[in-house]
């Protein structure tokens, strides 16, 4: 996790963008940062793009923001 940039959360992974490996790794990194199972995170849009919109099930934006703030 690299932080917030222009209103978006920046996650960097070293996995190749091959057969969803980078997406899978990014979801695992995000899940660990938020303290939720990776199964609760899904890509809403941008699956084949560098920019993605994700949904975290059962987590409000307020709780998500708090958890990210607690990491800093």
N, C-alpha and C. Protein backbone atom coordinates (compact mmCIF):
# COMPACT_ATOMS: atom_id res chain seq x y z
N UNK A 1 0.85 -1.17 0.00
CA UNK A 1 0.00 0.00 0.00
C UNK A 1 0.90 1.23 0.00
N UNK A 2 0.61 2.13 -0.88
CA UNK A 2 1.42 3.34 -1.00
C UNK A 2 0.70 4.58 -0.51
N UNK A 3 -0.57 4.47 -0.18
CA UNK A 3 -1.30 5.62 0.33
C UNK A 3 -2.37 6.11 -0.63
N UNK A 4 -2.78 7.35 -0.42
CA UNK A 4 -3.84 7.94 -1.23
C UNK A 4 -3.21 8.95 -2.18
N UNK A 5 -3.65 8.88 -3.43
CA UNK A 5 -3.15 9.79 -4.45
C UNK A 5 -4.33 10.27 -5.29
N UNK A 6 -4.56 11.56 -5.31
CA UNK A 6 -5.67 12.16 -6.06
C UNK A 6 -7.01 11.50 -5.75
N UNK A 7 -7.23 11.24 -4.46
CA UNK A 7 -8.51 10.69 -4.03
C UNK A 7 -8.66 9.20 -4.22
N UNK A 8 -7.60 8.52 -4.64
CA UNK A 8 -7.66 7.08 -4.86
C UNK A 8 -6.59 6.39 -4.02
N UNK A 9 -6.90 5.21 -3.57
CA UNK A 9 -5.95 4.41 -2.81
C UNK A 9 -4.98 3.78 -3.80
N UNK A 10 -3.70 3.90 -3.50
CA UNK A 10 -2.69 3.35 -4.40
C UNK A 10 -2.10 2.08 -3.80
N UNK A 11 -2.22 0.99 -4.54
CA UNK A 11 -1.67 -0.31 -4.14
C UNK A 11 -0.73 -0.75 -5.25
N UNK A 12 0.49 -1.11 -4.87
CA UNK A 12 1.46 -1.57 -5.87
C UNK A 12 1.82 -3.02 -5.57
N UNK A 13 1.81 -3.84 -6.61
CA UNK A 13 2.19 -5.24 -6.46
C UNK A 13 3.24 -5.60 -7.51
N UNK A 14 3.99 -6.65 -7.24
CA UNK A 14 5.02 -7.07 -8.18
C UNK A 14 4.56 -8.21 -9.09
N UNK A 15 3.40 -8.77 -8.81
CA UNK A 15 2.87 -9.87 -9.63
C UNK A 15 2.59 -9.38 -11.05
N UNK A 16 2.85 -10.24 -12.01
CA UNK A 16 2.61 -9.90 -13.41
C UNK A 16 1.11 -9.85 -13.69
N UNK A 17 0.71 -8.95 -14.58
CA UNK A 17 -0.71 -8.88 -14.95
C UNK A 17 -1.07 -9.99 -15.92
N UNK A 18 -0.89 -11.21 -15.48
CA UNK A 18 -1.11 -12.39 -16.31
C UNK A 18 -2.13 -13.29 -15.65
N UNK A 19 -3.23 -13.54 -16.34
CA UNK A 19 -4.28 -14.43 -15.84
C UNK A 19 -4.80 -14.02 -14.47
N UNK A 20 -4.87 -12.71 -14.24
CA UNK A 20 -5.45 -12.20 -13.00
C UNK A 20 -4.54 -12.25 -11.78
N UNK A 21 -3.27 -12.59 -11.97
CA UNK A 21 -2.35 -12.70 -10.83
C UNK A 21 -2.16 -11.37 -10.11
N UNK A 22 -2.00 -10.30 -10.85
CA UNK A 22 -1.81 -8.99 -10.22
C UNK A 22 -3.07 -8.55 -9.49
N UNK A 23 -4.23 -8.80 -10.07
CA UNK A 23 -5.49 -8.45 -9.41
C UNK A 23 -5.64 -9.23 -8.11
N UNK A 24 -5.35 -10.51 -8.17
CA UNK A 24 -5.46 -11.35 -6.99
C UNK A 24 -4.53 -10.87 -5.87
N UNK A 25 -3.32 -10.54 -6.24
CA UNK A 25 -2.35 -10.06 -5.25
C UNK A 25 -2.78 -8.71 -4.68
N UNK A 26 -3.28 -7.83 -5.52
CA UNK A 26 -3.74 -6.52 -5.05
C UNK A 26 -4.90 -6.67 -4.07
N UNK A 27 -5.81 -7.59 -4.34
CA UNK A 27 -6.94 -7.81 -3.43
C UNK A 27 -6.45 -8.36 -2.09
N UNK A 28 -5.43 -9.22 -2.11
CA UNK A 28 -4.87 -9.76 -0.87
C UNK A 28 -4.17 -8.66 -0.06
N UNK A 29 -3.45 -7.79 -0.73
CA UNK A 29 -2.79 -6.67 -0.04
C UNK A 29 -3.83 -5.75 0.58
N UNK A 30 -4.85 -5.43 -0.16
CA UNK A 30 -5.92 -4.57 0.34
C UNK A 30 -6.65 -5.22 1.51
N UNK A 31 -6.93 -6.51 1.38
CA UNK A 31 -7.61 -7.23 2.46
C UNK A 31 -6.79 -7.21 3.74
N UNK A 32 -5.50 -7.44 3.62
CA UNK A 32 -4.63 -7.42 4.80
C UNK A 32 -4.61 -6.04 5.43
N UNK A 33 -4.55 -5.00 4.62
CA UNK A 33 -4.52 -3.63 5.12
C UNK A 33 -5.80 -3.27 5.86
N UNK A 34 -6.92 -3.81 5.40
CA UNK A 34 -8.22 -3.48 5.98
C UNK A 34 -8.63 -4.46 7.08
N UNK A 35 -7.91 -5.57 7.18
CA UNK A 35 -8.25 -6.56 8.20
C UNK A 35 -9.52 -7.32 7.88
N UNK A 36 -9.73 -7.61 6.60
CA UNK A 36 -10.91 -8.38 6.18
C UNK A 36 -10.44 -9.54 5.30
N UNK A 37 -11.25 -10.58 5.17
CA UNK A 37 -10.89 -11.66 4.25
C UNK A 37 -10.91 -11.17 2.80
N UNK A 38 -9.99 -11.67 2.00
CA UNK A 38 -9.94 -11.27 0.58
C UNK A 38 -11.24 -11.59 -0.14
N UNK A 39 -11.96 -12.58 0.35
CA UNK A 39 -13.23 -12.96 -0.28
C UNK A 39 -14.29 -11.87 -0.16
N UNK A 40 -14.08 -10.89 0.72
CA UNK A 40 -15.04 -9.79 0.88
C UNK A 40 -14.75 -8.62 -0.05
N UNK A 41 -13.69 -8.74 -0.84
CA UNK A 41 -13.32 -7.65 -1.76
C UNK A 41 -13.52 -8.14 -3.18
N UNK A 42 -14.17 -7.29 -3.99
CA UNK A 42 -14.35 -7.66 -5.39
C UNK A 42 -14.11 -6.44 -6.27
N UNK A 43 -13.63 -6.68 -7.45
CA UNK A 43 -13.42 -5.62 -8.42
C UNK A 43 -14.75 -5.32 -9.09
N UNK A 44 -15.18 -4.08 -8.97
CA UNK A 44 -16.44 -3.64 -9.57
C UNK A 44 -16.22 -3.25 -11.02
N UNK A 45 -15.12 -2.53 -11.27
CA UNK A 45 -14.79 -2.15 -12.65
C UNK A 45 -13.28 -1.99 -12.77
N UNK A 46 -12.80 -2.17 -13.99
CA UNK A 46 -11.38 -2.01 -14.26
C UNK A 46 -10.55 -3.27 -14.11
N UNK A 47 -11.18 -4.42 -14.25
CA UNK A 47 -10.47 -5.68 -14.05
C UNK A 47 -9.23 -5.80 -14.94
N UNK A 48 -9.28 -5.23 -16.13
CA UNK A 48 -8.13 -5.31 -17.04
C UNK A 48 -7.42 -3.97 -17.19
N UNK A 49 -7.65 -3.09 -16.25
CA UNK A 49 -7.06 -1.75 -16.27
C UNK A 49 -6.18 -1.56 -15.04
N UNK A 50 -5.28 -0.60 -15.12
CA UNK A 50 -4.47 -0.26 -13.94
C UNK A 50 -5.33 0.36 -12.85
N UNK A 51 -6.35 1.09 -13.26
CA UNK A 51 -7.26 1.75 -12.32
C UNK A 51 -8.48 0.87 -12.10
N UNK A 52 -8.79 0.64 -10.84
CA UNK A 52 -9.89 -0.25 -10.49
C UNK A 52 -10.81 0.39 -9.48
N UNK A 53 -12.04 -0.03 -9.50
CA UNK A 53 -13.01 0.32 -8.46
C UNK A 53 -13.32 -0.98 -7.76
N UNK A 54 -13.17 -0.99 -6.44
CA UNK A 54 -13.44 -2.21 -5.68
C UNK A 54 -14.54 -1.96 -4.67
N UNK A 55 -15.17 -3.05 -4.27
CA UNK A 55 -16.20 -3.01 -3.23
C UNK A 55 -15.73 -3.92 -2.10
N UNK A 56 -15.87 -3.42 -0.89
CA UNK A 56 -15.55 -4.23 0.28
C UNK A 56 -16.87 -4.52 0.99
N UNK A 57 -17.28 -5.77 0.95
CA UNK A 57 -18.57 -6.16 1.52
C UNK A 57 -18.58 -5.94 3.03
N UNK A 58 -19.71 -5.45 3.51
CA UNK A 58 -19.96 -5.28 4.94
C UNK A 58 -19.02 -4.28 5.62
N UNK A 59 -18.51 -3.33 4.85
CA UNK A 59 -17.64 -2.31 5.44
C UNK A 59 -18.09 -0.94 4.91
N UNK A 60 -18.47 -0.05 5.81
CA UNK A 60 -18.90 1.28 5.38
C UNK A 60 -17.69 2.10 4.98
N UNK A 61 -17.93 3.16 4.24
CA UNK A 61 -16.83 4.05 3.84
C UNK A 61 -16.17 4.67 5.07
N UNK A 62 -16.96 4.93 6.10
CA UNK A 62 -16.41 5.51 7.34
C UNK A 62 -15.46 4.51 8.01
N UNK A 63 -15.87 3.25 8.08
CA UNK A 63 -15.03 2.22 8.70
C UNK A 63 -13.78 1.97 7.85
N UNK A 64 -13.95 1.95 6.56
CA UNK A 64 -12.80 1.78 5.66
C UNK A 64 -11.79 2.90 5.86
N UNK A 65 -12.29 4.12 5.91
CA UNK A 65 -11.41 5.29 6.11
C UNK A 65 -10.70 5.21 7.45
N UNK A 66 -11.41 4.80 8.49
CA UNK A 66 -10.80 4.68 9.82
C UNK A 66 -9.69 3.64 9.83
N UNK A 67 -9.97 2.50 9.21
CA UNK A 67 -8.98 1.43 9.20
C UNK A 67 -7.72 1.83 8.43
N UNK A 68 -7.91 2.54 7.34
CA UNK A 68 -6.74 3.02 6.59
C UNK A 68 -5.97 4.07 7.38
N UNK A 69 -6.68 4.95 8.07
CA UNK A 69 -6.04 5.99 8.87
C UNK A 69 -5.25 5.37 10.03
N UNK A 70 -5.77 4.29 10.59
CA UNK A 70 -5.08 3.59 11.69
C UNK A 70 -3.76 3.00 11.26
N UNK A 71 -3.59 2.77 9.96
CA UNK A 71 -2.34 2.19 9.44
C UNK A 71 -1.21 3.19 9.37
N UNK A 72 -1.53 4.48 9.39
CA UNK A 72 -0.48 5.49 9.23
C UNK A 72 0.09 5.92 10.54
